[in-house]
Amino acid sequence: MKISYKNNMQDIIDINIYNANNSSITKRQLRISLFLMPFAFICYLIYFYIIYREVSPTLLVGAIIISILWVVFYPKNFRWRVSRVVTKRVNEGNNKNVFSNTFLTIDDEGITKESDLINSKVLWLSIEKVVVTVNHIFIFVNFANAFIIPLKVFKSSTEKDSFLQFIYKNTR
């Protein structure tokens, strides 16, 4: 089975957001950051109360509103920051191979990747996991190396399903 595609910046951003959302370390950092600001406001209000023996209703309402907005919008801001950092990192280096035409040959031995600049073969035993998202199939060799296959390369859902069936058959 052979497929060809060309990744774009959004494909690279999507896999990085997927990795960030599924990393236990990143999840923990996100939870800490998510609740650190509201906790800081509570501590500030307690400190203010200890010093002045009263808390202004305006200050209290303002702190509550800012805390709620922070909890609601911080995850979206986090995804935006990941996108921005990935875009900067890709643009700062020589990454021609990331956006070159890619040809994958999938056979009984593994996956052979041929592009304008790189040729490589990955045996089935090296595949760590296969993830299907709304727009992609990610075939992970390790946490930092994956084949990013846009779903738009498949002409039909039947073609995609037969591709996945072959991948699953050889990786389980």
N, C-alpha and C. Protein backbone atom coordinates (compact mmCIF):
# COMPACT_ATOMS: atom_id res chain seq x y z
N MET A 1 0.85 -1.17 0.00
CA MET A 1 0.00 0.00 0.00
C MET A 1 0.90 1.24 0.00
N LYS A 2 0.56 2.20 -0.84
CA LYS A 2 1.35 3.43 -0.94
C LYS A 2 0.43 4.63 -0.79
N ILE A 3 0.92 5.64 -0.08
CA ILE A 3 0.22 6.91 0.00
C ILE A 3 1.24 8.04 -0.13
N SER A 4 0.76 9.16 -0.60
CA SER A 4 1.64 10.33 -0.69
C SER A 4 0.90 11.53 -0.13
N TYR A 5 1.68 12.42 0.47
CA TYR A 5 1.12 13.62 1.08
C TYR A 5 2.21 14.64 1.30
N LYS A 6 1.79 15.80 1.69
CA LYS A 6 2.73 16.88 2.03
C LYS A 6 2.17 17.56 3.28
N ASN A 7 2.93 17.51 4.37
CA ASN A 7 2.49 18.15 5.61
C ASN A 7 2.59 19.66 5.50
N ASN A 8 1.70 20.34 6.23
CA ASN A 8 1.77 21.79 6.31
C ASN A 8 1.96 22.19 7.78
N MET A 9 2.04 23.48 8.02
CA MET A 9 2.29 23.97 9.38
C MET A 9 1.21 23.51 10.36
N GLN A 10 -0.04 23.51 9.92
CA GLN A 10 -1.13 23.10 10.82
C GLN A 10 -0.97 21.65 11.25
N ASP A 11 -0.48 20.78 10.37
CA ASP A 11 -0.25 19.38 10.73
C ASP A 11 0.78 19.28 11.86
N ILE A 12 1.83 20.08 11.76
CA ILE A 12 2.89 20.07 12.79
C ILE A 12 2.34 20.64 14.10
N ILE A 13 1.55 21.69 14.01
CA ILE A 13 0.94 22.26 15.21
C ILE A 13 0.00 21.25 15.85
N ASP A 14 -0.79 20.57 15.04
CA ASP A 14 -1.77 19.61 15.58
C ASP A 14 -1.11 18.48 16.35
N ILE A 15 0.01 17.94 15.84
CA ILE A 15 0.65 16.84 16.58
C ILE A 15 1.28 17.36 17.87
N ASN A 16 1.78 18.58 17.85
CA ASN A 16 2.34 19.15 19.08
C ASN A 16 1.26 19.43 20.11
N ILE A 17 0.11 19.88 19.68
CA ILE A 17 -1.01 20.08 20.61
C ILE A 17 -1.49 18.74 21.13
N TYR A 18 -1.56 17.73 20.27
CA TYR A 18 -1.94 16.39 20.71
C TYR A 18 -0.95 15.90 21.79
N ASN A 19 0.34 16.04 21.51
CA ASN A 19 1.35 15.60 22.48
C ASN A 19 1.24 16.37 23.79
N ALA A 20 1.01 17.66 23.72
CA ALA A 20 0.87 18.47 24.93
C ALA A 20 -0.36 18.04 25.73
N ASN A 21 -1.47 17.79 25.04
CA ASN A 21 -2.70 17.40 25.72
C ASN A 21 -2.63 15.99 26.31
N ASN A 22 -1.70 15.17 25.83
CA ASN A 22 -1.63 13.79 26.29
C ASN A 22 -0.37 13.47 27.07
N SER A 23 0.37 14.48 27.43
CA SER A 23 1.57 14.31 28.25
C SER A 23 1.20 14.52 29.72
N SER A 24 1.55 13.57 30.57
CA SER A 24 1.22 13.71 31.99
C SER A 24 1.93 14.91 32.61
N ILE A 25 3.14 15.19 32.18
CA ILE A 25 3.89 16.34 32.71
C ILE A 25 3.20 17.64 32.30
N THR A 26 2.83 17.74 31.03
CA THR A 26 2.17 18.95 30.55
C THR A 26 0.80 19.13 31.20
N LYS A 27 0.07 18.03 31.35
CA LYS A 27 -1.24 18.10 32.01
C LYS A 27 -1.09 18.64 33.44
N ARG A 28 -0.08 18.15 34.15
CA ARG A 28 0.15 18.61 35.53
C ARG A 28 0.51 20.09 35.55
N GLN A 29 1.38 20.51 34.65
CA GLN A 29 1.76 21.93 34.58
C GLN A 29 0.56 22.80 34.22
N LEU A 30 -0.30 22.30 33.34
CA LEU A 30 -1.49 23.05 32.96
C LEU A 30 -2.44 23.20 34.13
N ARG A 31 -2.64 22.11 34.89
CA ARG A 31 -3.51 22.19 36.07
C ARG A 31 -2.96 23.16 37.11
N ILE A 32 -1.66 23.11 37.34
CA ILE A 32 -1.04 24.02 38.30
C ILE A 32 -1.23 25.46 37.85
N SER A 33 -0.92 25.73 36.59
CA SER A 33 -1.06 27.10 36.07
C SER A 33 -2.51 27.55 36.06
N LEU A 34 -3.41 26.61 35.82
CA LEU A 34 -4.83 26.95 35.76
C LEU A 34 -5.35 27.45 37.09
N PHE A 35 -4.88 26.85 38.19
CA PHE A 35 -5.41 27.21 39.50
C PHE A 35 -4.48 28.11 40.31
N LEU A 36 -3.29 28.35 39.81
CA LEU A 36 -2.34 29.20 40.53
C LEU A 36 -2.82 30.65 40.61
N MET A 37 -3.33 31.18 39.51
CA MET A 37 -3.79 32.57 39.50
C MET A 37 -4.98 32.77 40.44
N PRO A 38 -6.04 31.95 40.36
CA PRO A 38 -7.13 32.13 41.33
C PRO A 38 -6.66 31.97 42.78
N PHE A 39 -5.74 31.04 43.02
CA PHE A 39 -5.20 30.85 44.37
C PHE A 39 -4.45 32.10 44.81
N ALA A 40 -3.71 32.71 43.90
CA ALA A 40 -2.97 33.95 44.23
C ALA A 40 -3.94 35.07 44.59
N PHE A 41 -5.06 35.17 43.87
CA PHE A 41 -6.08 36.18 44.20
C PHE A 41 -6.67 35.94 45.59
N ILE A 42 -6.94 34.68 45.92
CA ILE A 42 -7.48 34.35 47.25
C ILE A 42 -6.48 34.74 48.33
N CYS A 43 -5.22 34.40 48.10
CA CYS A 43 -4.17 34.77 49.07
C CYS A 43 -4.06 36.29 49.21
N TYR A 44 -4.16 37.00 48.11
CA TYR A 44 -4.12 38.45 48.14
C TYR A 44 -5.28 39.01 48.95
N LEU A 45 -6.48 38.45 48.73
CA LEU A 45 -7.64 38.91 49.48
C LEU A 45 -7.50 38.62 50.98
N ILE A 46 -6.97 37.46 51.32
CA ILE A 46 -6.74 37.13 52.74
C ILE A 46 -5.73 38.09 53.34
N TYR A 47 -4.65 38.33 52.62
CA TYR A 47 -3.63 39.27 53.08
C TYR A 47 -4.24 40.67 53.28
N PHE A 48 -5.03 41.11 52.30
CA PHE A 48 -5.69 42.41 52.36
C PHE A 48 -6.61 42.48 53.58
N TYR A 49 -7.33 41.37 53.85
CA TYR A 49 -8.24 41.33 55.00
C TYR A 49 -7.46 41.39 56.32
N ILE A 50 -6.35 40.68 56.40
CA ILE A 50 -5.53 40.67 57.62
C ILE A 50 -4.98 42.07 57.90
N ILE A 51 -4.51 42.75 56.90
CA ILE A 51 -3.91 44.07 57.06
C ILE A 51 -4.97 45.13 57.37
N TYR A 52 -6.07 45.16 56.61
CA TYR A 52 -7.04 46.24 56.73
C TYR A 52 -8.34 45.85 57.42
N ARG A 53 -8.50 44.59 57.76
CA ARG A 53 -9.70 44.07 58.46
C ARG A 53 -10.98 44.25 57.66
N GLU A 54 -10.85 44.43 56.36
CA GLU A 54 -12.04 44.45 55.50
C GLU A 54 -11.58 44.23 54.07
N VAL A 55 -12.52 43.74 53.28
CA VAL A 55 -12.25 43.53 51.85
C VAL A 55 -13.33 44.28 51.09
N SER A 56 -12.91 45.11 50.19
CA SER A 56 -13.83 45.89 49.37
C SER A 56 -14.66 44.94 48.51
N PRO A 57 -15.98 45.15 48.47
CA PRO A 57 -16.82 44.32 47.59
C PRO A 57 -16.38 44.40 46.13
N THR A 58 -15.92 45.55 45.71
CA THR A 58 -15.45 45.72 44.34
C THR A 58 -14.22 44.85 44.09
N LEU A 59 -13.31 44.85 45.04
CA LEU A 59 -12.11 44.03 44.93
C LEU A 59 -12.47 42.55 44.92
N LEU A 60 -13.41 42.15 45.77
CA LEU A 60 -13.84 40.76 45.84
C LEU A 60 -14.50 40.32 44.53
N VAL A 61 -15.42 41.11 44.02
CA VAL A 61 -16.10 40.79 42.77
C VAL A 61 -15.10 40.76 41.62
N GLY A 62 -14.20 41.73 41.58
CA GLY A 62 -13.17 41.78 40.53
C GLY A 62 -12.29 40.54 40.55
N ALA A 63 -11.88 40.12 41.74
CA ALA A 63 -11.03 38.93 41.87
C ALA A 63 -11.78 37.68 41.41
N ILE A 64 -13.06 37.60 41.76
CA ILE A 64 -13.86 36.44 41.36
C ILE A 64 -14.03 36.41 39.83
N ILE A 65 -14.33 37.57 39.24
CA ILE A 65 -14.51 37.63 37.78
C ILE A 65 -13.22 37.28 37.06
N ILE A 66 -12.11 37.85 37.50
CA ILE A 66 -10.82 37.56 36.86
C ILE A 66 -10.47 36.08 37.02
N SER A 67 -10.74 35.50 38.18
CA SER A 67 -10.46 34.08 38.40
C SER A 67 -11.28 33.20 37.48
N ILE A 68 -12.56 33.52 37.33
CA ILE A 68 -13.43 32.73 36.44
C ILE A 68 -12.96 32.85 34.99
N LEU A 69 -12.65 34.07 34.56
CA LEU A 69 -12.15 34.26 33.20
C LEU A 69 -10.84 33.50 32.97
N TRP A 70 -9.99 33.51 33.97
CA TRP A 70 -8.72 32.80 33.87
C TRP A 70 -8.95 31.30 33.67
N VAL A 71 -9.82 30.71 34.47
CA VAL A 71 -10.09 29.28 34.39
C VAL A 71 -10.74 28.93 33.04
N VAL A 72 -11.59 29.81 32.53
CA VAL A 72 -12.28 29.54 31.27
C VAL A 72 -11.34 29.69 30.07
N PHE A 73 -10.54 30.75 30.06
CA PHE A 73 -9.76 31.06 28.87
C PHE A 73 -8.32 30.57 28.89
N TYR A 74 -7.79 30.16 30.02
CA TYR A 74 -6.39 29.72 30.07
C TYR A 74 -6.11 28.53 29.17
N PRO A 75 -6.96 27.50 29.13
CA PRO A 75 -6.66 26.37 28.23
C PRO A 75 -6.59 26.78 26.75
N LYS A 76 -7.45 27.69 26.33
CA LYS A 76 -7.39 28.16 24.93
C LYS A 76 -6.11 28.95 24.70
N ASN A 77 -5.73 29.75 25.68
CA ASN A 77 -4.48 30.50 25.59
C ASN A 77 -3.30 29.55 25.53
N PHE A 78 -3.35 28.46 26.27
CA PHE A 78 -2.28 27.47 26.27
C PHE A 78 -2.12 26.88 24.86
N ARG A 79 -3.22 26.49 24.22
CA ARG A 79 -3.15 25.93 22.86
C ARG A 79 -2.60 26.97 21.89
N TRP A 80 -2.99 28.23 22.05
CA TRP A 80 -2.49 29.29 21.19
C TRP A 80 -0.98 29.45 21.37
N ARG A 81 -0.52 29.39 22.63
CA ARG A 81 0.92 29.51 22.89
C ARG A 81 1.70 28.35 22.30
N VAL A 82 1.16 27.14 22.41
CA VAL A 82 1.82 25.98 21.79
C VAL A 82 1.94 26.20 20.29
N SER A 83 0.87 26.66 19.66
CA SER A 83 0.89 26.93 18.22
C SER A 83 1.95 27.96 17.86
N ARG A 84 2.02 29.01 18.64
CA ARG A 84 2.98 30.09 18.38
C ARG A 84 4.43 29.60 18.53
N VAL A 85 4.69 28.83 19.59
CA VAL A 85 6.04 28.32 19.82
C VAL A 85 6.44 27.34 18.72
N VAL A 86 5.55 26.45 18.33
CA VAL A 86 5.85 25.49 17.27
C VAL A 86 6.13 26.22 15.96
N THR A 87 5.33 27.20 15.63
CA THR A 87 5.53 27.96 14.40
C THR A 87 6.89 28.65 14.41
N LYS A 88 7.25 29.25 15.53
CA LYS A 88 8.56 29.92 15.63
C LYS A 88 9.69 28.91 15.49
N ARG A 89 9.56 27.76 16.16
CA ARG A 89 10.62 26.74 16.10
C ARG A 89 10.79 26.19 14.69
N VAL A 90 9.70 25.95 14.00
CA VAL A 90 9.79 25.44 12.64
C VAL A 90 10.40 26.49 11.72
N ASN A 91 10.01 27.74 11.88
CA ASN A 91 10.50 28.81 11.01
C ASN A 91 11.95 29.19 11.27
N GLU A 92 12.47 28.89 12.46
CA GLU A 92 13.83 29.33 12.77
C GLU A 92 14.91 28.41 12.20
N GLY A 93 14.57 27.20 11.86
CA GLY A 93 15.59 26.26 11.40
C GLY A 93 15.44 25.90 9.94
N ASN A 94 16.29 24.99 9.53
CA ASN A 94 16.23 24.46 8.18
C ASN A 94 15.33 23.24 8.22
N ASN A 95 14.07 23.41 7.91
CA ASN A 95 13.09 22.34 8.04
C ASN A 95 12.42 22.01 6.71
N LYS A 96 13.21 22.04 5.65
CA LYS A 96 12.66 21.74 4.33
C LYS A 96 12.05 20.34 4.28
N ASN A 97 12.68 19.40 5.00
CA ASN A 97 12.20 18.02 4.96
C ASN A 97 10.83 17.87 5.63
N VAL A 98 10.47 18.77 6.53
CA VAL A 98 9.18 18.68 7.23
C VAL A 98 8.03 18.92 6.25
N PHE A 99 8.25 19.80 5.29
CA PHE A 99 7.19 20.17 4.36
C PHE A 99 7.41 19.65 2.95
N SER A 100 8.25 18.65 2.80
CA SER A 100 8.51 18.10 1.47
C SER A 100 7.48 17.04 1.12
N ASN A 101 7.41 16.70 -0.16
CA ASN A 101 6.52 15.63 -0.59
C ASN A 101 6.96 14.33 0.06
N THR A 102 6.01 13.61 0.62
CA THR A 102 6.32 12.39 1.36
C THR A 102 5.56 11.23 0.73
N PHE A 103 6.27 10.12 0.56
CA PHE A 103 5.67 8.90 0.03
C PHE A 103 5.89 7.79 1.05
N LEU A 104 4.80 7.21 1.51
CA LEU A 104 4.89 6.10 2.44
C LEU A 104 4.53 4.81 1.72
N THR A 105 5.36 3.80 1.92
CA THR A 105 5.06 2.46 1.45
C THR A 105 4.89 1.59 2.68
N ILE A 106 3.72 1.00 2.79
CA ILE A 106 3.41 0.16 3.95
C ILE A 106 3.34 -1.27 3.44
N ASP A 107 4.21 -2.12 4.01
CA ASP A 107 4.22 -3.53 3.61
C ASP A 107 4.35 -4.41 4.84
N ASP A 108 4.58 -5.69 4.64
CA ASP A 108 4.65 -6.63 5.77
C ASP A 108 5.85 -6.39 6.68
N GLU A 109 6.88 -5.71 6.20
CA GLU A 109 8.06 -5.45 7.02
C GLU A 109 7.91 -4.20 7.89
N GLY A 110 7.23 -3.18 7.37
CA GLY A 110 7.09 -1.94 8.10
C GLY A 110 6.67 -0.80 7.20
N ILE A 111 7.13 0.40 7.57
CA ILE A 111 6.78 1.61 6.83
C ILE A 111 8.07 2.21 6.26
N THR A 112 8.06 2.42 4.97
CA THR A 112 9.19 3.07 4.31
C THR A 112 8.75 4.47 3.93
N LYS A 113 9.53 5.44 4.38
CA LYS A 113 9.24 6.85 4.09
C LYS A 113 10.27 7.36 3.11
N GLU A 114 9.78 7.91 2.03
CA GLU A 114 10.66 8.54 1.04
C GLU A 114 10.17 9.97 0.86
N SER A 115 11.11 10.89 0.95
CA SER A 115 10.79 12.29 0.69
C SER A 115 11.90 12.88 -0.15
N ASP A 116 11.77 14.17 -0.45
CA ASP A 116 12.77 14.82 -1.29
C ASP A 116 14.16 14.77 -0.66
N LEU A 117 14.23 14.72 0.68
CA LEU A 117 15.52 14.81 1.37
C LEU A 117 15.87 13.62 2.23
N ILE A 118 14.88 12.80 2.63
CA ILE A 118 15.14 11.72 3.58
C ILE A 118 14.44 10.44 3.14
N ASN A 119 15.15 9.33 3.27
CA ASN A 119 14.57 8.01 3.07
C ASN A 119 14.82 7.21 4.35
N SER A 120 13.78 6.55 4.84
CA SER A 120 13.97 5.75 6.06
C SER A 120 12.97 4.60 6.08
N LYS A 121 13.31 3.59 6.85
CA LYS A 121 12.43 2.44 7.02
C LYS A 121 12.25 2.20 8.50
N VAL A 122 11.00 2.01 8.91
CA VAL A 122 10.67 1.73 10.30
C VAL A 122 9.98 0.37 10.34
N LEU A 123 10.54 -0.53 11.12
CA LEU A 123 9.96 -1.87 11.25
C LEU A 123 8.74 -1.81 12.17
N TRP A 124 7.82 -2.74 11.98
CA TRP A 124 6.58 -2.74 12.77
C TRP A 124 6.86 -2.80 14.26
N LEU A 125 7.90 -3.50 14.68
CA LEU A 125 8.22 -3.60 16.10
C LEU A 125 8.57 -2.25 16.72
N SER A 126 8.98 -1.30 15.88
CA SER A 126 9.36 0.02 16.37
C SER A 126 8.17 0.94 16.60
N ILE A 127 7.00 0.59 16.10
CA ILE A 127 5.83 1.44 16.23
C ILE A 127 5.31 1.37 17.65
N GLU A 128 5.25 2.53 18.31
CA GLU A 128 4.81 2.60 19.70
C GLU A 128 3.28 2.62 19.80
N LYS A 129 2.65 3.48 18.99
CA LYS A 129 1.19 3.56 19.02
C LYS A 129 0.69 4.25 17.76
N VAL A 130 -0.60 4.04 17.50
CA VAL A 130 -1.28 4.66 16.37
C VAL A 130 -2.47 5.42 16.93
N VAL A 131 -2.57 6.69 16.55
CA VAL A 131 -3.65 7.55 17.05
C VAL A 131 -4.39 8.13 15.85
N VAL A 132 -5.71 8.05 15.92
CA VAL A 132 -6.54 8.67 14.88
C VAL A 132 -7.26 9.85 15.52
N THR A 133 -7.09 11.03 14.91
CA THR A 133 -7.77 12.23 15.38
C THR A 133 -8.77 12.66 14.31
N VAL A 134 -9.36 13.79 14.50
CA VAL A 134 -10.36 14.30 13.55
C VAL A 134 -9.73 14.54 12.17
N ASN A 135 -8.48 15.00 12.14
CA ASN A 135 -7.84 15.37 10.88
C ASN A 135 -6.62 14.55 10.49
N HIS A 136 -6.16 13.66 11.39
CA HIS A 136 -4.88 12.99 11.14
C HIS A 136 -4.86 11.55 11.63
N ILE A 137 -3.87 10.84 11.11
CA ILE A 137 -3.42 9.58 11.71
C ILE A 137 -1.99 9.84 12.14
N PHE A 138 -1.71 9.64 13.41
CA PHE A 138 -0.35 9.78 13.93
C PHE A 138 0.17 8.38 14.21
N ILE A 139 1.26 8.01 13.57
CA ILE A 139 1.89 6.72 13.83
C ILE A 139 3.19 7.03 14.56
N PHE A 140 3.19 6.79 15.87
CA PHE A 140 4.32 7.16 16.72
C PHE A 140 5.39 6.07 16.74
N VAL A 141 6.63 6.49 16.47
CA VAL A 141 7.77 5.61 16.64
C VAL A 141 8.29 5.77 18.07
N ASN A 142 8.25 6.99 18.57
CA ASN A 142 8.52 7.31 19.97
C ASN A 142 7.81 8.62 20.27
N PHE A 143 8.01 9.16 21.47
CA PHE A 143 7.26 10.37 21.85
C PHE A 143 7.58 11.58 20.96
N ALA A 144 8.75 11.59 20.31
CA ALA A 144 9.16 12.76 19.54
C ALA A 144 9.20 12.51 18.03
N ASN A 145 8.86 11.30 17.60
CA ASN A 145 8.98 10.97 16.19
C ASN A 145 7.73 10.23 15.75
N ALA A 146 7.04 10.81 14.77
CA ALA A 146 5.81 10.18 14.29
C ALA A 146 5.59 10.49 12.82
N PHE A 147 4.87 9.61 12.18
CA PHE A 147 4.37 9.89 10.85
C PHE A 147 3.07 10.66 11.03
N ILE A 148 2.97 11.80 10.38
CA ILE A 148 1.77 12.64 10.48
C ILE A 148 1.05 12.54 9.14
N ILE A 149 -0.01 11.75 9.12
CA ILE A 149 -0.71 11.50 7.87
C ILE A 149 -2.04 12.25 7.90
N PRO A 150 -2.20 13.26 7.05
CA PRO A 150 -3.49 13.97 7.00
C PRO A 150 -4.57 13.05 6.44
N LEU A 151 -5.74 13.07 7.04
CA LEU A 151 -6.83 12.21 6.56
C LEU A 151 -7.30 12.59 5.16
N LYS A 152 -7.04 13.81 4.76
CA LYS A 152 -7.50 14.27 3.44
C LYS A 152 -6.80 13.52 2.29
N VAL A 153 -5.72 12.78 2.58
CA VAL A 153 -5.04 12.03 1.51
C VAL A 153 -5.85 10.79 1.09
N PHE A 154 -6.77 10.37 1.92
CA PHE A 154 -7.58 9.21 1.59
C PHE A 154 -8.79 9.65 0.78
N LYS A 155 -9.04 8.94 -0.30
CA LYS A 155 -10.15 9.31 -1.19
C LYS A 155 -11.51 8.97 -0.60
N SER A 156 -11.53 8.01 0.32
CA SER A 156 -12.80 7.60 0.94
C SER A 156 -12.53 7.06 2.34
N SER A 157 -13.60 6.94 3.10
CA SER A 157 -13.45 6.37 4.44
C SER A 157 -13.10 4.89 4.36
N THR A 158 -13.50 4.22 3.29
CA THR A 158 -13.14 2.81 3.09
C THR A 158 -11.64 2.66 2.91
N GLU A 159 -11.05 3.56 2.13
CA GLU A 159 -9.60 3.53 1.92
C GLU A 159 -8.87 3.79 3.24
N LYS A 160 -9.35 4.75 4.01
CA LYS A 160 -8.75 5.05 5.32
C LYS A 160 -8.89 3.84 6.24
N ASP A 161 -10.06 3.23 6.27
CA ASP A 161 -10.30 2.07 7.14
C ASP A 161 -9.41 0.89 6.77
N SER A 162 -9.23 0.64 5.48
CA SER A 162 -8.36 -0.48 5.09
C SER A 162 -6.90 -0.18 5.44
N PHE A 163 -6.50 1.08 5.31
CA PHE A 163 -5.15 1.50 5.71
C PHE A 163 -4.95 1.25 7.21
N LEU A 164 -5.91 1.72 8.01
CA LEU A 164 -5.81 1.53 9.47
C LEU A 164 -5.85 0.06 9.85
N GLN A 165 -6.69 -0.71 9.18
CA GLN A 165 -6.78 -2.14 9.47
C GLN A 165 -5.43 -2.82 9.24
N PHE A 166 -4.76 -2.46 8.15
CA PHE A 166 -3.44 -3.02 7.87
C PHE A 166 -2.43 -2.60 8.93
N ILE A 167 -2.47 -1.33 9.32
CA ILE A 167 -1.55 -0.81 10.35
C ILE A 167 -1.79 -1.56 11.66
N TYR A 168 -3.05 -1.64 12.08
CA TYR A 168 -3.39 -2.31 13.36
C TYR A 168 -3.00 -3.78 13.33
N LYS A 169 -3.21 -4.43 12.21
CA LYS A 169 -2.87 -5.85 12.09
C LYS A 169 -1.38 -6.09 12.34
N ASN A 170 -0.56 -5.14 11.89
CA ASN A 170 0.89 -5.32 12.01
C ASN A 170 1.49 -4.73 13.28
N THR A 171 0.74 -3.92 14.01
CA THR A 171 1.31 -3.30 15.21
C THR A 171 0.81 -3.92 16.50
N ARG A 172 -0.13 -4.81 16.45
CA ARG A 172 -0.66 -5.41 17.70
C ARG A 172 -0.15 -6.78 17.92
